[in-house]
Amino acid sequence: MLVAIEGIDGAGKHTQSALLVERARAHGLSVAAVSYPRYGRGVFAEAIEALLAGELGQANDPRLVGLLFAGDRFEDRVALLGALSSCDLVVADRYVASNLAYQAARSDGDRGAAIVEFLARVEFDVFGLPRPDLNVLLDLPLDLAISRLSVREAGDRPAADHYESDHRFLAACADAYAAMAKGEDWVVVPAAEGALARRPDAVAAAVWRAVAARLAARGT
């Protein structure tokens, strides 16, 4: 079973992915973890890092930008399929939906919908990437996400990359995610209560309930 943890930058995807892996293993499941983009690995990831650092100039066409992110997953396709064949659960820290949401956010109206359709066709039909069994959207209000990004320490990439620093863009990403999350292969987990972010363990418990229910339905 493939579970993708999704949400705008600052929503807590990395933390919740790690907590889900930990909890699933504690329940006796064999688990693999993947994260996209695969910074530091692969030619597409190198290009993505340059893009996010603003080093590729005016790379504005969302179809072309989206192909970089799709290509990064395609490079990892064999390893991903191997993990799915040998493990009970594969947890993805971002997956195809992040590409769809972020590129749709760079377009308006019908063009955004066309971008989503185009990139989904590329990733799933042309590249043959497996469709997730469940997408988990971490729903964090924009102001809280921005606050987290402002204090995030630099790790594998800058604390605030070329897109994260654009708050209007992040708002558009949140709208794109909300539209996709109406699908049956989605569950929305609130990451805040009122004006305050929920504790990571409380969010993790809600994520696990959703995943455990899907696992039970599959007989895993």
N, C-alpha and C. Protein backbone atom coordinates (compact mmCIF):
# COMPACT_ATOMS: atom_id res chain seq x y z
N MET A 1 0.84 -1.18 0.00
CA MET A 1 0.00 0.00 0.00
C MET A 1 0.88 1.24 0.00
N LEU A 2 0.55 2.17 -0.87
CA LEU A 2 1.30 3.41 -1.01
C LEU A 2 0.50 4.56 -0.43
N VAL A 3 1.05 5.23 0.57
CA VAL A 3 0.42 6.38 1.22
C VAL A 3 1.28 7.61 0.98
N ALA A 4 0.67 8.66 0.46
CA ALA A 4 1.38 9.92 0.22
C ALA A 4 0.96 10.95 1.24
N ILE A 5 1.93 11.57 1.88
CA ILE A 5 1.66 12.65 2.83
C ILE A 5 1.84 13.96 2.08
N GLU A 6 0.77 14.74 2.01
CA GLU A 6 0.75 15.94 1.18
C GLU A 6 0.39 17.18 2.00
N GLY A 7 0.63 18.34 1.41
CA GLY A 7 0.30 19.61 2.05
C GLY A 7 1.24 20.70 1.59
N ILE A 8 0.87 21.93 1.86
CA ILE A 8 1.73 23.04 1.46
C ILE A 8 3.01 23.04 2.29
N ASP A 9 3.98 23.81 1.86
CA ASP A 9 5.23 23.92 2.61
C ASP A 9 4.94 24.43 4.01
N GLY A 10 5.55 23.78 5.00
CA GLY A 10 5.32 24.16 6.39
C GLY A 10 4.22 23.38 7.07
N ALA A 11 3.51 22.51 6.32
CA ALA A 11 2.38 21.79 6.90
C ALA A 11 2.80 20.66 7.84
N GLY A 12 4.06 20.22 7.74
CA GLY A 12 4.55 19.16 8.62
C GLY A 12 4.66 17.81 7.95
N LYS A 13 4.83 17.79 6.64
CA LYS A 13 4.88 16.53 5.89
C LYS A 13 6.03 15.63 6.33
N HIS A 14 7.22 16.21 6.47
CA HIS A 14 8.38 15.40 6.84
C HIS A 14 8.19 14.78 8.23
N THR A 15 7.73 15.57 9.17
CA THR A 15 7.50 15.08 10.53
C THR A 15 6.47 13.97 10.54
N GLN A 16 5.34 14.19 9.87
CA GLN A 16 4.27 13.20 9.90
C GLN A 16 4.62 11.94 9.12
N SER A 17 5.40 12.08 8.07
CA SER A 17 5.85 10.89 7.35
C SER A 17 6.71 10.01 8.26
N ALA A 18 7.63 10.64 8.98
CA ALA A 18 8.49 9.89 9.88
C ALA A 18 7.70 9.24 11.01
N LEU A 19 6.72 9.97 11.56
CA LEU A 19 5.91 9.41 12.65
C LEU A 19 5.04 8.26 12.16
N LEU A 20 4.55 8.36 10.92
CA LEU A 20 3.75 7.27 10.37
C LEU A 20 4.60 6.02 10.18
N VAL A 21 5.80 6.18 9.67
CA VAL A 21 6.71 5.04 9.51
C VAL A 21 6.97 4.38 10.86
N GLU A 22 7.25 5.20 11.87
CA GLU A 22 7.54 4.68 13.20
C GLU A 22 6.35 3.90 13.77
N ARG A 23 5.16 4.48 13.63
CA ARG A 23 3.99 3.82 14.21
C ARG A 23 3.64 2.53 13.47
N ALA A 24 3.75 2.56 12.15
CA ALA A 24 3.44 1.36 11.37
C ALA A 24 4.39 0.22 11.71
N ARG A 25 5.65 0.54 11.89
CA ARG A 25 6.62 -0.50 12.27
C ARG A 25 6.32 -1.03 13.66
N ALA A 26 5.86 -0.14 14.56
CA ALA A 26 5.51 -0.59 15.91
C ALA A 26 4.32 -1.54 15.89
N HIS A 27 3.51 -1.46 14.85
CA HIS A 27 2.37 -2.36 14.69
C HIS A 27 2.74 -3.61 13.88
N GLY A 28 4.03 -3.80 13.64
CA GLY A 28 4.49 -5.03 13.01
C GLY A 28 4.49 -5.02 11.49
N LEU A 29 4.30 -3.87 10.88
CA LEU A 29 4.30 -3.79 9.42
C LEU A 29 5.71 -3.57 8.90
N SER A 30 5.98 -4.13 7.73
CA SER A 30 7.23 -3.80 7.04
C SER A 30 6.98 -2.52 6.25
N VAL A 31 7.88 -1.55 6.41
CA VAL A 31 7.62 -0.21 5.89
C VAL A 31 8.86 0.32 5.17
N ALA A 32 8.62 1.00 4.05
CA ALA A 32 9.67 1.74 3.35
C ALA A 32 9.25 3.20 3.28
N ALA A 33 10.23 4.09 3.28
CA ALA A 33 9.96 5.52 3.21
C ALA A 33 10.66 6.12 2.00
N VAL A 34 9.94 6.98 1.29
CA VAL A 34 10.52 7.71 0.16
C VAL A 34 10.17 9.18 0.31
N SER A 35 10.96 10.03 -0.30
CA SER A 35 10.72 11.47 -0.23
C SER A 35 11.08 12.10 -1.57
N TYR A 36 10.21 12.97 -2.03
CA TYR A 36 10.42 13.64 -3.31
C TYR A 36 10.28 15.15 -3.14
N PRO A 37 11.12 15.92 -3.85
CA PRO A 37 12.21 15.50 -4.74
C PRO A 37 13.34 14.82 -3.95
N ARG A 38 14.14 14.05 -4.64
CA ARG A 38 15.24 13.30 -4.01
C ARG A 38 16.50 14.17 -4.04
N TYR A 39 16.51 15.19 -3.21
CA TYR A 39 17.62 16.15 -3.23
C TYR A 39 18.95 15.44 -3.05
N GLY A 40 19.91 15.82 -3.90
CA GLY A 40 21.24 15.23 -3.83
C GLY A 40 21.40 13.95 -4.61
N ARG A 41 20.31 13.49 -5.29
CA ARG A 41 20.38 12.25 -6.05
C ARG A 41 19.67 12.44 -7.39
N GLY A 42 20.37 12.16 -8.45
CA GLY A 42 19.74 12.16 -9.75
C GLY A 42 19.83 13.49 -10.49
N VAL A 43 19.79 13.39 -11.81
CA VAL A 43 19.94 14.59 -12.64
C VAL A 43 18.74 15.50 -12.53
N PHE A 44 17.55 14.94 -12.40
CA PHE A 44 16.36 15.79 -12.29
C PHE A 44 16.35 16.54 -10.96
N ALA A 45 16.77 15.88 -9.88
CA ALA A 45 16.82 16.55 -8.59
C ALA A 45 17.81 17.71 -8.61
N GLU A 46 18.92 17.54 -9.32
CA GLU A 46 19.89 18.63 -9.43
C GLU A 46 19.25 19.84 -10.12
N ALA A 47 18.49 19.57 -11.18
CA ALA A 47 17.83 20.66 -11.88
C ALA A 47 16.76 21.32 -11.01
N ILE A 48 16.06 20.52 -10.21
CA ILE A 48 15.03 21.07 -9.32
C ILE A 48 15.66 21.97 -8.27
N GLU A 49 16.79 21.56 -7.72
CA GLU A 49 17.46 22.41 -6.73
C GLU A 49 17.86 23.74 -7.34
N ALA A 50 18.36 23.70 -8.56
CA ALA A 50 18.72 24.95 -9.24
C ALA A 50 17.48 25.81 -9.49
N LEU A 51 16.38 25.17 -9.86
CA LEU A 51 15.14 25.89 -10.10
C LEU A 51 14.65 26.59 -8.83
N LEU A 52 14.62 25.84 -7.71
CA LEU A 52 14.11 26.40 -6.46
C LEU A 52 15.02 27.48 -5.90
N ALA A 53 16.28 27.45 -6.27
CA ALA A 53 17.21 28.48 -5.83
C ALA A 53 17.17 29.72 -6.74
N GLY A 54 16.33 29.66 -7.79
CA GLY A 54 16.21 30.78 -8.70
C GLY A 54 17.34 30.88 -9.69
N GLU A 55 18.04 29.75 -9.95
CA GLU A 55 19.21 29.77 -10.82
C GLU A 55 18.90 29.46 -12.28
N LEU A 56 17.63 29.15 -12.58
CA LEU A 56 17.28 28.81 -13.96
C LEU A 56 16.54 29.94 -14.68
N GLY A 57 16.63 31.12 -14.12
CA GLY A 57 15.99 32.26 -14.77
C GLY A 57 14.48 32.16 -14.73
N GLN A 58 13.84 32.62 -15.78
CA GLN A 58 12.38 32.64 -15.85
C GLN A 58 11.84 31.33 -16.39
N ALA A 59 11.90 30.29 -15.56
CA ALA A 59 11.33 28.99 -15.92
C ALA A 59 9.87 29.00 -15.48
N ASN A 60 9.00 29.52 -16.35
CA ASN A 60 7.64 29.82 -15.94
C ASN A 60 6.58 28.84 -16.44
N ASP A 61 6.87 28.04 -17.44
CA ASP A 61 5.84 27.15 -17.96
C ASP A 61 5.64 25.99 -17.00
N PRO A 62 4.45 25.87 -16.38
CA PRO A 62 4.25 24.81 -15.38
C PRO A 62 4.35 23.41 -15.96
N ARG A 63 4.09 23.24 -17.26
CA ARG A 63 4.25 21.92 -17.85
C ARG A 63 5.71 21.50 -17.84
N LEU A 64 6.60 22.42 -18.21
CA LEU A 64 8.02 22.09 -18.25
C LEU A 64 8.59 21.92 -16.84
N VAL A 65 8.19 22.81 -15.93
CA VAL A 65 8.64 22.67 -14.54
C VAL A 65 8.14 21.36 -13.96
N GLY A 66 6.87 21.04 -14.22
CA GLY A 66 6.30 19.80 -13.71
C GLY A 66 7.01 18.57 -14.22
N LEU A 67 7.53 18.63 -15.45
CA LEU A 67 8.24 17.49 -16.00
C LEU A 67 9.52 17.19 -15.23
N LEU A 68 10.15 18.21 -14.66
CA LEU A 68 11.34 17.97 -13.84
C LEU A 68 10.99 17.14 -12.61
N PHE A 69 9.91 17.52 -11.93
CA PHE A 69 9.49 16.79 -10.73
C PHE A 69 9.02 15.38 -11.08
N ALA A 70 8.31 15.26 -12.21
CA ALA A 70 7.89 13.94 -12.66
C ALA A 70 9.10 13.07 -13.01
N GLY A 71 10.08 13.68 -13.67
CA GLY A 71 11.28 12.94 -14.04
C GLY A 71 12.05 12.42 -12.84
N ASP A 72 12.04 13.19 -11.76
CA ASP A 72 12.71 12.74 -10.54
C ASP A 72 12.08 11.46 -10.02
N ARG A 73 10.74 11.38 -10.05
CA ARG A 73 10.08 10.16 -9.62
C ARG A 73 10.32 9.01 -10.60
N PHE A 74 10.36 9.35 -11.89
CA PHE A 74 10.60 8.30 -12.89
C PHE A 74 11.97 7.66 -12.68
N GLU A 75 12.96 8.48 -12.32
CA GLU A 75 14.29 7.93 -12.02
C GLU A 75 14.23 6.92 -10.87
N ASP A 76 13.27 7.11 -9.97
CA ASP A 76 13.16 6.27 -8.78
C ASP A 76 12.13 5.15 -8.94
N ARG A 77 11.55 5.03 -10.13
CA ARG A 77 10.41 4.13 -10.34
C ARG A 77 10.74 2.68 -9.99
N VAL A 78 11.85 2.17 -10.46
CA VAL A 78 12.19 0.76 -10.22
C VAL A 78 12.32 0.49 -8.72
N ALA A 79 13.00 1.38 -8.01
CA ALA A 79 13.17 1.21 -6.56
C ALA A 79 11.83 1.31 -5.84
N LEU A 80 10.97 2.22 -6.29
CA LEU A 80 9.67 2.38 -5.66
C LEU A 80 8.81 1.14 -5.86
N LEU A 81 8.79 0.62 -7.08
CA LEU A 81 8.02 -0.60 -7.33
C LEU A 81 8.57 -1.78 -6.54
N GLY A 82 9.89 -1.83 -6.38
CA GLY A 82 10.48 -2.88 -5.57
C GLY A 82 10.06 -2.80 -4.12
N ALA A 83 10.00 -1.56 -3.59
CA ALA A 83 9.57 -1.38 -2.21
C ALA A 83 8.11 -1.81 -2.04
N LEU A 84 7.28 -1.47 -3.01
CA LEU A 84 5.86 -1.83 -2.93
C LEU A 84 5.67 -3.35 -2.99
N SER A 85 6.53 -4.04 -3.71
CA SER A 85 6.39 -5.49 -3.83
C SER A 85 6.90 -6.24 -2.60
N SER A 86 7.75 -5.58 -1.80
CA SER A 86 8.36 -6.28 -0.67
C SER A 86 7.91 -5.78 0.70
N CYS A 87 7.15 -4.69 0.74
CA CYS A 87 6.75 -4.10 2.03
C CYS A 87 5.23 -4.02 2.14
N ASP A 88 4.76 -4.02 3.37
CA ASP A 88 3.32 -3.82 3.60
C ASP A 88 2.91 -2.39 3.28
N LEU A 89 3.79 -1.44 3.55
CA LEU A 89 3.44 -0.03 3.43
C LEU A 89 4.63 0.76 2.92
N VAL A 90 4.38 1.65 1.97
CA VAL A 90 5.37 2.62 1.53
C VAL A 90 4.82 4.01 1.81
N VAL A 91 5.58 4.81 2.54
CA VAL A 91 5.16 6.16 2.91
C VAL A 91 5.96 7.15 2.09
N ALA A 92 5.25 8.00 1.35
CA ALA A 92 5.90 9.01 0.51
C ALA A 92 5.71 10.39 1.11
N ASP A 93 6.82 11.04 1.40
CA ASP A 93 6.83 12.43 1.84
C ASP A 93 6.78 13.29 0.56
N ARG A 94 5.58 13.68 0.15
CA ARG A 94 5.25 14.27 -1.15
C ARG A 94 5.25 13.19 -2.22
N TYR A 95 4.30 13.34 -3.15
CA TYR A 95 4.25 12.42 -4.27
C TYR A 95 3.67 13.17 -5.46
N VAL A 96 2.96 12.51 -6.33
CA VAL A 96 2.48 13.13 -7.57
C VAL A 96 1.58 14.32 -7.29
N ALA A 97 0.72 14.23 -6.28
CA ALA A 97 -0.22 15.31 -6.01
C ALA A 97 0.47 16.63 -5.73
N SER A 98 1.66 16.59 -5.16
CA SER A 98 2.37 17.84 -4.89
C SER A 98 2.73 18.53 -6.21
N ASN A 99 3.12 17.75 -7.19
CA ASN A 99 3.42 18.31 -8.50
C ASN A 99 2.17 18.92 -9.13
N LEU A 100 1.06 18.19 -9.06
CA LEU A 100 -0.18 18.68 -9.63
C LEU A 100 -0.63 19.98 -8.95
N ALA A 101 -0.58 20.00 -7.62
CA ALA A 101 -1.04 21.18 -6.89
C ALA A 101 -0.16 22.38 -7.16
N TYR A 102 1.16 22.19 -7.12
CA TYR A 102 2.06 23.32 -7.25
C TYR A 102 2.08 23.88 -8.67
N GLN A 103 1.92 23.01 -9.65
CA GLN A 103 1.90 23.53 -11.02
C GLN A 103 0.53 24.13 -11.36
N ALA A 104 -0.54 23.55 -10.82
CA ALA A 104 -1.86 24.15 -11.01
C ALA A 104 -1.91 25.54 -10.40
N ALA A 105 -1.20 25.72 -9.28
CA ALA A 105 -1.20 27.01 -8.60
C ALA A 105 -0.52 28.10 -9.43
N ARG A 106 0.25 27.69 -10.40
CA ARG A 106 0.94 28.65 -11.26
C ARG A 106 0.14 28.96 -12.51
N SER A 107 -1.09 28.47 -12.55
CA SER A 107 -1.97 28.68 -13.69
C SER A 107 -3.33 29.14 -13.18
N ASP A 108 -4.19 29.59 -14.07
CA ASP A 108 -5.51 30.08 -13.68
C ASP A 108 -6.60 29.25 -14.33
N GLY A 109 -7.68 29.00 -13.55
CA GLY A 109 -8.90 28.44 -14.09
C GLY A 109 -8.73 27.18 -14.90
N ASP A 110 -9.28 27.21 -16.11
CA ASP A 110 -9.27 26.03 -16.97
C ASP A 110 -7.86 25.58 -17.30
N ARG A 111 -6.92 26.53 -17.40
CA ARG A 111 -5.54 26.16 -17.71
C ARG A 111 -4.95 25.34 -16.56
N GLY A 112 -5.28 25.71 -15.33
CA GLY A 112 -4.80 24.93 -14.20
C GLY A 112 -5.32 23.50 -14.24
N ALA A 113 -6.60 23.33 -14.59
CA ALA A 113 -7.17 21.99 -14.69
C ALA A 113 -6.49 21.20 -15.80
N ALA A 114 -6.17 21.88 -16.91
CA ALA A 114 -5.49 21.20 -18.01
C ALA A 114 -4.09 20.77 -17.61
N ILE A 115 -3.41 21.60 -16.80
CA ILE A 115 -2.07 21.25 -16.31
C ILE A 115 -2.13 20.01 -15.44
N VAL A 116 -3.13 19.95 -14.55
CA VAL A 116 -3.30 18.79 -13.68
C VAL A 116 -3.51 17.53 -14.52
N GLU A 117 -4.37 17.62 -15.51
CA GLU A 117 -4.64 16.46 -16.37
C GLU A 117 -3.38 16.03 -17.13
N PHE A 118 -2.65 17.01 -17.65
CA PHE A 118 -1.44 16.70 -18.41
C PHE A 118 -0.40 16.00 -17.55
N LEU A 119 -0.11 16.57 -16.38
CA LEU A 119 0.94 16.00 -15.53
C LEU A 119 0.53 14.66 -14.94
N ALA A 120 -0.75 14.50 -14.61
CA ALA A 120 -1.21 13.20 -14.11
C ALA A 120 -1.04 12.14 -15.19
N ARG A 121 -1.32 12.49 -16.43
CA ARG A 121 -1.15 11.55 -17.54
C ARG A 121 0.32 11.18 -17.71
N VAL A 122 1.19 12.19 -17.59
CA VAL A 122 2.63 11.92 -17.71
C VAL A 122 3.10 10.98 -16.61
N GLU A 123 2.77 11.31 -15.36
CA GLU A 123 3.31 10.56 -14.22
C GLU A 123 2.75 9.13 -14.16
N PHE A 124 1.43 9.00 -14.31
CA PHE A 124 0.81 7.69 -14.12
C PHE A 124 0.75 6.86 -15.40
N ASP A 125 0.43 7.49 -16.52
CA ASP A 125 0.22 6.72 -17.75
C ASP A 125 1.50 6.56 -18.57
N VAL A 126 2.24 7.66 -18.75
CA VAL A 126 3.44 7.59 -19.57
C VAL A 126 4.61 7.01 -18.77
N PHE A 127 4.85 7.53 -17.58
CA PHE A 127 5.97 7.06 -16.76
C PHE A 127 5.63 5.79 -15.98
N GLY A 128 4.36 5.46 -15.87
CA GLY A 128 3.97 4.23 -15.20
C GLY A 128 4.20 4.21 -13.71
N LEU A 129 4.13 5.37 -13.07
CA LEU A 129 4.28 5.41 -11.61
C LEU A 129 3.02 4.87 -10.95
N PRO A 130 3.17 4.17 -9.83
CA PRO A 130 1.99 3.61 -9.16
C PRO A 130 1.13 4.71 -8.55
N ARG A 131 -0.19 4.52 -8.64
CA ARG A 131 -1.09 5.47 -8.03
C ARG A 131 -1.14 5.22 -6.52
N PRO A 132 -1.19 6.27 -5.72
CA PRO A 132 -1.26 6.06 -4.27
C PRO A 132 -2.60 5.45 -3.88
N ASP A 133 -2.57 4.58 -2.88
CA ASP A 133 -3.81 4.04 -2.33
C ASP A 133 -4.51 5.06 -1.45
N LEU A 134 -3.73 5.97 -0.87
CA LEU A 134 -4.29 7.00 -0.02
C LEU A 134 -3.39 8.23 -0.04
N ASN A 135 -4.01 9.39 -0.25
CA ASN A 135 -3.32 10.68 -0.10
C ASN A 135 -3.81 11.32 1.18
N VAL A 136 -2.90 11.70 2.05
CA VAL A 136 -3.24 12.35 3.31
C VAL A 136 -2.87 13.82 3.21
N LEU A 137 -3.87 14.69 3.25
CA LEU A 137 -3.62 16.13 3.18
C LEU A 137 -3.56 16.71 4.58
N LEU A 138 -2.40 17.24 4.94
CA LEU A 138 -2.24 17.94 6.22
C LEU A 138 -2.73 19.36 6.03
N ASP A 139 -3.85 19.68 6.65
CA ASP A 139 -4.52 20.97 6.44
C ASP A 139 -4.10 21.96 7.51
N LEU A 140 -3.12 22.79 7.17
CA LEU A 140 -2.62 23.81 8.09
C LEU A 140 -2.93 25.19 7.51
N PRO A 141 -3.53 26.08 8.29
CA PRO A 141 -3.80 27.44 7.79
C PRO A 141 -2.54 28.12 7.28
N LEU A 142 -2.73 28.94 6.27
CA LEU A 142 -1.60 29.57 5.60
C LEU A 142 -0.73 30.38 6.55
N ASP A 143 -1.33 31.12 7.47
CA ASP A 143 -0.53 31.97 8.35
C ASP A 143 0.38 31.15 9.25
N LEU A 144 -0.10 29.98 9.69
CA LEU A 144 0.74 29.12 10.52
C LEU A 144 1.85 28.49 9.70
N ALA A 145 1.55 28.13 8.46
CA ALA A 145 2.59 27.57 7.60
C ALA A 145 3.69 28.60 7.34
N ILE A 146 3.30 29.83 7.07
CA ILE A 146 4.27 30.89 6.82
C ILE A 146 5.13 31.13 8.05
N SER A 147 4.51 31.08 9.22
CA SER A 147 5.27 31.27 10.46
C SER A 147 6.31 30.18 10.64
N ARG A 148 5.95 28.95 10.32
CA ARG A 148 6.92 27.86 10.42
C ARG A 148 8.06 28.04 9.43
N LEU A 149 7.73 28.43 8.22
CA LEU A 149 8.77 28.58 7.19
C LEU A 149 9.76 29.69 7.57
N SER A 150 9.28 30.69 8.27
CA SER A 150 10.15 31.82 8.61
C SER A 150 11.23 31.46 9.61
N VAL A 151 11.00 30.37 10.36
CA VAL A 151 11.98 29.99 11.38
C VAL A 151 12.64 28.65 11.09
N ARG A 152 12.26 28.03 9.98
CA ARG A 152 12.82 26.71 9.67
C ARG A 152 14.31 26.81 9.39
N GLU A 153 15.06 25.94 10.01
CA GLU A 153 16.49 25.93 9.79
C GLU A 153 16.82 25.30 8.45
N ALA A 154 17.88 25.76 7.83
CA ALA A 154 18.30 25.19 6.55
C ALA A 154 18.72 23.74 6.74
N GLY A 155 18.25 22.88 5.84
CA GLY A 155 18.62 21.48 5.87
C GLY A 155 19.21 21.09 4.53
N ASP A 156 18.49 20.23 3.78
CA ASP A 156 18.97 19.81 2.47
C ASP A 156 18.80 20.90 1.42
N ARG A 157 18.02 21.93 1.74
CA ARG A 157 17.80 23.04 0.83
C ARG A 157 17.55 24.28 1.65
N PRO A 158 17.50 25.46 1.05
CA PRO A 158 17.35 26.69 1.83
C PRO A 158 16.09 26.68 2.67
N ALA A 159 16.11 27.43 3.79
CA ALA A 159 14.97 27.48 4.68
C ALA A 159 13.73 27.99 3.97
N ALA A 160 13.88 28.90 3.04
CA ALA A 160 12.74 29.38 2.25
C ALA A 160 13.19 29.44 0.80
N ASP A 161 12.69 28.52 -0.03
CA ASP A 161 13.15 28.49 -1.40
C ASP A 161 12.36 29.48 -2.25
N HIS A 162 12.60 29.43 -3.55
CA HIS A 162 12.04 30.40 -4.48
C HIS A 162 10.52 30.44 -4.43
N TYR A 163 9.89 29.29 -4.18
CA TYR A 163 8.43 29.24 -4.15
C TYR A 163 7.88 29.47 -2.75
N GLU A 164 8.55 28.96 -1.73
CA GLU A 164 8.06 29.09 -0.37
C GLU A 164 7.95 30.55 0.07
N SER A 165 8.80 31.41 -0.48
CA SER A 165 8.80 32.80 -0.08
C SER A 165 7.67 33.60 -0.72
N ASP A 166 6.93 33.00 -1.65
CA ASP A 166 5.83 33.66 -2.33
C ASP A 166 4.53 33.22 -1.66
N HIS A 167 4.00 34.08 -0.78
CA HIS A 167 2.85 33.70 0.01
C HIS A 167 1.58 33.57 -0.82
N ARG A 168 1.44 34.38 -1.85
CA ARG A 168 0.28 34.22 -2.73
C ARG A 168 0.31 32.87 -3.42
N PHE A 169 1.49 32.46 -3.80
CA PHE A 169 1.65 31.17 -4.45
C PHE A 169 1.26 30.04 -3.50
N LEU A 170 1.69 30.13 -2.25
CA LEU A 170 1.35 29.10 -1.27
C LEU A 170 -0.16 29.03 -1.06
N ALA A 171 -0.82 30.19 -1.07
CA ALA A 171 -2.28 30.22 -0.93
C ALA A 171 -2.94 29.51 -2.11
N ALA A 172 -2.41 29.74 -3.30
CA ALA A 172 -2.96 29.07 -4.49
C ALA A 172 -2.72 27.57 -4.43
N CYS A 173 -1.57 27.16 -3.88
CA CYS A 173 -1.29 25.72 -3.70
C CYS A 173 -2.31 25.10 -2.74
N ALA A 174 -2.61 25.81 -1.65
CA ALA A 174 -3.59 25.31 -0.70
C ALA A 174 -4.94 25.12 -1.36
N ASP A 175 -5.33 26.05 -2.22
CA ASP A 175 -6.61 25.93 -2.94
C ASP A 175 -6.59 24.72 -3.88
N ALA A 176 -5.47 24.51 -4.56
CA ALA A 176 -5.36 23.39 -5.49
C ALA A 176 -5.44 22.06 -4.73
N TYR A 177 -4.78 21.98 -3.59
CA TYR A 177 -4.85 20.77 -2.78
C TYR A 177 -6.29 20.52 -2.31
N ALA A 178 -6.96 21.58 -1.86
CA ALA A 178 -8.33 21.43 -1.37
C ALA A 178 -9.25 20.88 -2.45
N ALA A 179 -9.03 21.32 -3.68
CA ALA A 179 -9.85 20.83 -4.79
C ALA A 179 -9.59 19.34 -5.04
N MET A 180 -8.32 18.94 -5.02
CA MET A 180 -8.00 17.53 -5.26
C MET A 180 -8.46 16.64 -4.13
N ALA A 181 -8.45 17.17 -2.90
CA ALA A 181 -8.76 16.37 -1.72
C ALA A 181 -10.22 15.97 -1.62
N LYS A 182 -11.03 16.40 -2.58
CA LYS A 182 -12.42 15.96 -2.63
C LYS A 182 -12.55 14.56 -3.22
N GLY A 183 -11.45 14.03 -3.75
CA GLY A 183 -11.47 12.70 -4.34
C GLY A 183 -11.56 11.61 -3.29
N GLU A 184 -11.99 10.42 -3.70
CA GLU A 184 -12.22 9.32 -2.76
C GLU A 184 -10.93 8.72 -2.22
N ASP A 185 -9.82 8.94 -2.89
CA ASP A 185 -8.55 8.40 -2.41
C ASP A 185 -7.79 9.40 -1.53
N TRP A 186 -8.54 10.34 -0.94
CA TRP A 186 -7.96 11.36 -0.08
C TRP A 186 -8.60 11.33 1.30
N VAL A 187 -7.82 11.77 2.29
CA VAL A 187 -8.34 12.07 3.61
C VAL A 187 -7.68 13.37 4.06
N VAL A 188 -8.45 14.25 4.66
CA VAL A 188 -7.93 15.54 5.14
C VAL A 188 -7.78 15.46 6.65
N VAL A 189 -6.57 15.73 7.12
CA VAL A 189 -6.28 15.71 8.55
C VAL A 189 -5.99 17.14 9.01
N PRO A 190 -6.83 17.72 9.86
CA PRO A 190 -6.57 19.08 10.35
C PRO A 190 -5.27 19.12 11.15
N ALA A 191 -4.42 20.07 10.81
CA ALA A 191 -3.15 20.24 11.51
C ALA A 191 -3.19 21.42 12.46
N ALA A 192 -4.39 21.98 12.66
CA ALA A 192 -4.55 23.12 13.57
C ALA A 192 -5.92 23.06 14.22
N GLU A 193 -6.01 23.68 15.39
CA GLU A 193 -7.29 23.87 16.06
C GLU A 193 -7.42 25.36 16.32
N GLY A 194 -8.34 25.98 15.60
CA GLY A 194 -8.45 27.43 15.71
C GLY A 194 -7.20 28.11 15.19
N ALA A 195 -6.62 28.97 16.01
CA ALA A 195 -5.44 29.72 15.60
C ALA A 195 -4.14 29.04 15.98
N LEU A 196 -4.22 27.84 16.55
CA LEU A 196 -3.03 27.16 17.04
C LEU A 196 -2.81 25.85 16.30
N ALA A 197 -1.55 25.55 16.03
CA ALA A 197 -1.20 24.28 15.41
C ALA A 197 -1.41 23.15 16.42
N ARG A 198 -1.90 22.01 15.94
CA ARG A 198 -2.05 20.84 16.79
C ARG A 198 -0.68 20.25 17.10
N ARG A 199 -0.60 19.57 18.22
CA ARG A 199 0.64 18.87 18.56
C ARG A 199 0.92 17.80 17.52
N PRO A 200 2.20 17.59 17.18
CA PRO A 200 2.54 16.58 16.17
C PRO A 200 1.99 15.20 16.50
N ASP A 201 1.98 14.82 17.78
CA ASP A 201 1.50 13.48 18.12
C ASP A 201 -0.01 13.36 17.91
N ALA A 202 -0.74 14.47 18.08
CA ALA A 202 -2.19 14.44 17.85
C ALA A 202 -2.48 14.31 16.35
N VAL A 203 -1.72 15.03 15.54
CA VAL A 203 -1.87 14.90 14.09
C VAL A 203 -1.50 13.49 13.66
N ALA A 204 -0.42 12.96 14.22
CA ALA A 204 0.05 11.62 13.86
C ALA A 204 -1.00 10.56 14.19
N ALA A 205 -1.70 10.73 15.32
CA ALA A 205 -2.74 9.77 15.69
C ALA A 205 -3.87 9.78 14.67
N ALA A 206 -4.23 10.97 14.20
CA ALA A 206 -5.29 11.07 13.19
C ALA A 206 -4.84 10.47 11.86
N VAL A 207 -3.59 10.70 11.50
CA VAL A 207 -3.05 10.11 10.27
C VAL A 207 -3.08 8.59 10.36
N TRP A 208 -2.64 8.07 11.50
CA TRP A 208 -2.60 6.61 11.65
C TRP A 208 -4.00 6.00 11.59
N ARG A 209 -4.99 6.67 12.17
CA ARG A 209 -6.36 6.14 12.10
C ARG A 209 -6.82 6.01 10.65
N ALA A 210 -6.50 7.02 9.85
CA ALA A 210 -6.90 6.97 8.45
C ALA A 210 -6.18 5.86 7.70
N VAL A 211 -4.89 5.72 7.96
CA VAL A 211 -4.10 4.69 7.27
C VAL A 211 -4.51 3.31 7.75
N ALA A 212 -4.70 3.15 9.05
CA ALA A 212 -5.08 1.85 9.60
C ALA A 212 -6.43 1.41 9.03
N ALA A 213 -7.36 2.36 8.86
CA ALA A 213 -8.67 2.02 8.31
C ALA A 213 -8.52 1.54 6.87
N ARG A 214 -7.66 2.17 6.11
CA ARG A 214 -7.46 1.75 4.71
C ARG A 214 -6.75 0.39 4.66
N LEU A 215 -5.79 0.18 5.55
CA LEU A 215 -5.13 -1.12 5.61
C LEU A 215 -6.11 -2.23 5.97
N ALA A 216 -7.00 -1.94 6.93
CA ALA A 216 -7.99 -2.93 7.33
C ALA A 216 -8.93 -3.27 6.19
N ALA A 217 -9.30 -2.24 5.42
CA ALA A 217 -10.20 -2.46 4.29
C ALA A 217 -9.55 -3.32 3.23
N ARG A 218 -8.22 -3.25 3.15
CA ARG A 218 -7.48 -4.06 2.17
C ARG A 218 -7.12 -5.43 2.73
N GLY A 219 -7.37 -5.64 4.02
CA GLY A 219 -7.08 -6.92 4.63
C GLY A 219 -5.62 -7.10 4.99
N THR A 220 -4.88 -5.97 5.12
CA THR A 220 -3.46 -6.05 5.47
C THR A 220 -3.28 -6.18 6.98
